[in-house]
Protein backbone atom coordinates (compact mmCIF):
# COMPACT_ATOMS: atom_id res chain seq x y z
CA UNK A 1 27.27 -61.24 90.83
CA UNK A 2 25.34 -58.85 88.62
CA UNK A 3 22.47 -61.31 88.06
CA UNK A 4 22.09 -61.91 91.77
CA UNK A 5 21.70 -58.17 92.37
CA UNK A 6 19.12 -57.86 89.60
CA UNK A 7 17.06 -60.70 91.04
CA UNK A 8 17.23 -59.11 94.47
CA UNK A 9 16.04 -55.82 93.02
CA UNK A 10 13.07 -57.49 91.31
CA UNK A 11 12.02 -59.20 94.52
CA UNK A 12 12.30 -55.99 96.52
CA UNK A 13 10.10 -53.96 94.18
CA UNK A 14 7.30 -56.51 94.70
CA UNK A 15 5.50 -55.03 91.68
CA UNK A 16 3.72 -57.59 89.49
CA UNK A 17 4.32 -57.57 85.76
CA UNK A 18 1.66 -56.11 83.51
CA UNK A 19 0.27 -58.58 80.95
CA UNK A 20 -2.40 -56.44 79.29
CA UNK A 21 -2.30 -54.40 76.06
CA UNK A 22 -0.53 -51.05 76.12
CA UNK A 23 -2.56 -47.86 76.18
CA UNK A 24 -1.31 -46.98 72.69
CA UNK A 25 -2.53 -50.31 71.31
CA UNK A 26 -5.89 -49.89 73.00
CA UNK A 27 -6.30 -46.32 71.69
CA UNK A 28 -5.52 -47.49 68.16
CA UNK A 29 -7.96 -50.43 68.42
CA UNK A 30 -10.74 -48.20 69.80
CA UNK A 31 -10.23 -45.67 67.01
CA UNK A 32 -10.31 -48.47 64.43
CA UNK A 33 -13.55 -49.89 65.91
CA UNK A 34 -15.11 -46.39 65.96
CA UNK A 35 -14.27 -45.86 62.28
CA UNK A 36 -15.68 -49.28 61.33
CA UNK A 37 -18.88 -48.60 63.29
CA UNK A 38 -19.34 -45.16 61.69
CA UNK A 39 -18.61 -46.49 58.20
CA UNK A 40 -21.15 -49.31 58.53
CA UNK A 41 -23.75 -47.01 60.08
CA UNK A 42 -23.41 -44.70 57.08
CA UNK A 43 -23.75 -47.63 54.65
CA UNK A 44 -26.88 -48.85 56.43
CA UNK A 45 -28.66 -45.47 56.22
CA UNK A 46 -31.52 -45.64 53.79
CA UNK A 47 -31.47 -49.42 53.49
CA UNK A 48 -34.35 -51.66 54.45
CA UNK A 49 -33.90 -54.37 57.06
CA UNK A 50 -34.35 -57.16 54.49
CA UNK A 51 -32.08 -55.72 51.76
CA UNK A 52 -29.37 -57.99 50.44
CA UNK A 53 -26.10 -57.70 52.37
CA UNK A 54 -27.51 -55.76 55.31
CA UNK A 55 -27.42 -58.73 57.68
CA UNK A 56 -23.64 -59.05 57.30
CA UNK A 57 -23.15 -55.29 57.75
CA UNK A 58 -25.33 -55.26 60.89
CA UNK A 59 -23.27 -58.15 62.32
CA UNK A 60 -19.95 -56.40 61.57
CA UNK A 61 -21.28 -53.15 63.05
CA UNK A 62 -22.29 -54.96 66.24
CA UNK A 63 -18.85 -56.60 66.47
CA UNK A 64 -17.20 -53.17 66.13
CA UNK A 65 -19.36 -51.82 68.99
CA UNK A 66 -18.56 -54.79 71.24
CA UNK A 67 -14.86 -54.51 70.33
CA UNK A 68 -14.85 -50.88 71.41
CA UNK A 69 -16.55 -51.79 74.69
CA UNK A 70 -13.98 -54.45 75.59
CA UNK A 71 -10.96 -52.50 74.31
CA UNK A 72 -11.96 -49.55 76.48
CA UNK A 73 -11.79 -51.97 79.45
CA UNK A 74 -8.29 -53.15 78.50
CA UNK A 75 -9.03 -56.57 76.97
CA UNK A 76 -7.27 -58.37 74.16
CA UNK A 77 -9.69 -59.41 71.41
CA UNK A 78 -9.51 -62.67 69.46
CA UNK A 79 -11.70 -63.64 66.50
CA UNK A 80 -13.08 -67.11 65.92
CA UNK A 81 -12.29 -68.51 62.46
CA UNK A 82 -15.34 -70.71 61.96
CA UNK A 83 -18.33 -68.90 60.40
CA UNK A 84 -20.97 -71.07 62.12
CA UNK A 85 -19.19 -71.40 65.44
CA UNK A 86 -20.87 -70.84 68.80
CA UNK A 87 -18.92 -67.65 69.56
CA UNK A 88 -17.65 -64.72 67.49
CA UNK A 89 -15.07 -63.11 69.75
CA UNK A 90 -12.98 -64.07 72.75
CA UNK A 91 -11.76 -61.32 75.06
CA UNK A 92 -8.97 -61.90 77.57
CA UNK A 93 -7.43 -59.78 80.26
CA UNK A 94 -5.02 -60.49 83.11
CA UNK A 95 -6.40 -59.40 86.45
CA UNK A 96 -4.22 -59.18 89.53
CA UNK A 97 -5.50 -61.19 92.49
CA UNK A 98 -4.21 -59.60 95.68
CA UNK A 99 -4.96 -62.71 97.74
CA UNK A 100 -2.77 -65.03 95.67
CA UNK A 101 -0.33 -62.36 94.51
CA UNK A 102 -0.64 -63.55 90.92
CA UNK A 103 -2.33 -62.58 87.70
CA UNK A 104 -5.34 -64.63 86.69
CA UNK A 105 -6.96 -64.63 83.25
CA UNK A 106 -10.42 -63.18 82.84
CA UNK A 107 -12.05 -64.56 79.68
CA UNK A 108 -15.34 -63.74 77.97
CA UNK A 109 -16.66 -65.94 75.11
CA UNK A 110 -18.99 -63.63 73.23
CA UNK A 111 -21.52 -64.39 70.50
CA UNK A 112 -22.38 -61.03 68.94
CA UNK A 113 -25.85 -60.29 67.57
CA UNK A 114 -26.82 -57.04 65.92
CA UNK A 115 -30.20 -55.42 65.37
CA UNK A 116 -30.57 -53.30 62.25
CA UNK A 117 -30.63 -49.58 63.16
CA UNK A 118 -33.48 -49.14 60.67
CA UNK A 119 -35.70 -51.67 62.44
CA UNK A 120 -39.19 -50.26 62.95
CA UNK A 121 -39.70 -51.80 66.40
CA UNK A 122 -38.27 -51.43 69.89
CA UNK A 123 -35.99 -54.44 70.42
CA UNK A 124 -36.43 -56.68 73.44
CA UNK A 125 -32.69 -57.50 73.58
CA UNK A 126 -33.31 -61.22 73.91
CA UNK A 127 -31.70 -63.98 71.87
CA UNK A 128 -33.48 -67.01 70.51
CA UNK A 129 -32.92 -70.08 72.63
CA UNK A 130 -31.58 -73.10 70.80
CA UNK A 131 -32.17 -76.08 73.07
CA UNK A 132 -30.17 -78.31 70.77
CA UNK A 133 -26.89 -76.65 71.85
CA UNK A 134 -27.54 -75.86 75.53
CA UNK A 135 -24.91 -78.27 76.86
CA UNK A 136 -22.25 -76.99 74.48
CA UNK A 137 -23.07 -73.34 75.20
CA UNK A 138 -22.98 -73.90 78.96
CA UNK A 139 -19.60 -75.65 78.78
CA UNK A 140 -18.21 -72.73 76.75
CA UNK A 141 -19.82 -70.20 79.11
CA UNK A 142 -21.19 -68.48 76.00
CA UNK A 143 -22.39 -64.90 76.49
CA UNK A 144 -24.63 -63.23 73.90
CA UNK A 145 -24.01 -59.54 73.23
CA UNK A 146 -26.94 -57.81 71.53
CA UNK A 147 -26.21 -54.38 70.01
CA UNK A 148 -28.76 -51.81 68.84
CA UNK A 149 -27.79 -48.20 68.06
CA UNK A 150 -24.85 -48.16 70.47
CA UNK A 151 -26.62 -49.95 73.33
CA UNK A 152 -25.14 -53.33 74.18
CA UNK A 153 -26.78 -55.87 76.49
CA UNK A 154 -24.95 -59.00 77.62
CA UNK A 155 -26.90 -62.12 78.58
CA UNK A 156 -25.94 -65.76 79.22
CA UNK A 157 -26.24 -67.73 76.00
CA UNK A 158 -27.12 -71.05 77.56
CA UNK A 159 -30.60 -70.48 79.03
CA UNK A 160 -33.63 -72.58 78.16
CA UNK A 161 -35.99 -69.62 78.42
CA UNK A 162 -35.44 -65.89 77.95
CA UNK A 163 -38.31 -64.53 80.03
CA UNK A 164 -37.89 -61.96 82.83
CA UNK A 165 -34.49 -60.88 81.53
CA UNK A 166 -33.95 -57.84 83.76
CA UNK A 167 -32.33 -60.01 86.45
CA UNK A 168 -30.23 -61.97 83.95
CA UNK A 169 -28.33 -59.21 82.15
CA UNK A 170 -24.59 -59.25 82.80
CA UNK A 171 -22.63 -56.09 83.51
CA UNK A 172 -19.14 -56.15 82.07
CA UNK A 173 -17.27 -53.18 83.50
CA UNK A 174 -13.82 -54.47 84.38
């Protein structure tokens, strides 16, 4: 009899279950990403763009910035294990669809690119197109995140040409 009452109570509340990270986990992850970003920024000060080891630090710094962006929006972050894979991070979040009354996954497959903060040019925030992998990148719905001094631009990673980008940038705000 007790179980029947509990089931009735769950149905009456009509409140969907929450499948996203807790606020405490998100706060911890954001703080960790901030510390990593600050640490790598400090290490990169005074280095030249072509110095040995800077490319890896710039990449890790960009990943920390993108992590912070997605964690502040409530996403789980997953890292890809393959070093030459098409994406670096996968971010997932459950979003409630009022029409269906169910949670649906929202997934972003992100390839993170960083620009050295000591670069002596204004970046165009455009990736190189690799026509050899266009089909693969389109099937993965690969998004390229380009980070430079805290500014992150998201763009589809499966385009044949990266001209007139202002209309193509993606806004990720939920």
